[in-house]
Amino acid sequence: MMATFAEIEGVPTIDEDNNTADITFVFNPKKRITQEELYSMVITLLLMKF
């Protein structure tokens, strides 16, 4: 399975008081990644703060 790659634009804004994060994703339909790469990125994002 191939997925469309989404890059994070800028620096995520993290509000520690509310435990929220404001993240802007930019989708590039020409750049493709595998399902394993997608899972790896999601896990990395989750482990960054939460």
Protein backbone atom coordinates (compact mmCIF):
# COMPACT_ATOMS: atom_id res chain seq x y z
CA MET A 1 0.00 0.00 0.00
CA MET A 2 1.28 3.44 -0.89
CA ALA A 3 0.16 6.61 0.85
CA THR A 4 0.36 10.28 -0.02
CA PHE A 5 3.10 11.98 1.96
CA ALA A 6 2.22 14.87 4.26
CA GLU A 7 4.92 17.16 5.59
CA ILE A 8 4.66 19.32 8.67
CA GLU A 9 5.00 22.98 7.77
CA GLY A 10 6.65 25.24 10.30
CA VAL A 11 6.99 24.42 13.98
CA PRO A 12 4.09 22.78 15.85
CA THR A 13 2.60 24.99 18.56
CA ILE A 14 2.18 23.01 21.78
CA ASP A 15 -0.08 24.27 24.56
CA GLU A 16 0.96 22.35 27.66
CA ASP A 17 -1.84 23.85 29.77
CA ASN A 18 -4.54 22.40 27.50
CA ASN A 19 -2.50 19.40 26.25
CA THR A 20 -3.11 20.41 22.64
CA ALA A 21 -0.91 20.85 19.60
CA ASP A 22 -1.51 22.97 16.50
CA ILE A 23 0.18 21.27 13.56
CA THR A 24 -0.05 22.32 9.91
CA PHE A 25 0.27 19.50 7.36
CA VAL A 26 1.09 20.09 3.70
CA PHE A 27 0.13 17.22 1.40
CA ASN A 28 2.28 16.41 -1.62
CA PRO A 29 0.41 13.88 -3.79
CA LYS A 30 3.49 13.34 -5.99
CA LYS A 31 5.60 12.04 -3.11
CA ARG A 32 4.65 8.52 -2.07
CA ILE A 33 5.61 6.52 1.02
CA THR A 34 4.95 2.98 2.14
CA GLN A 35 2.45 2.03 4.83
CA GLU A 36 5.33 1.14 7.17
CA GLU A 37 6.87 4.59 6.73
CA LEU A 38 3.50 6.20 7.44
CA TYR A 39 3.05 4.18 10.64
CA SER A 40 6.58 5.06 11.73
CA MET A 41 5.91 8.79 11.28
CA VAL A 42 2.62 8.61 13.20
CA ILE A 43 4.25 6.76 16.09
CA THR A 44 7.11 9.28 16.14
CA LEU A 45 4.63 12.19 16.30
CA LEU A 46 2.70 10.55 19.12
CA LEU A 47 5.85 9.89 21.14
CA MET A 48 7.14 13.46 20.69
CA LYS A 49 4.83 14.91 23.29
CA PHE A 50 1.87 12.75 24.18
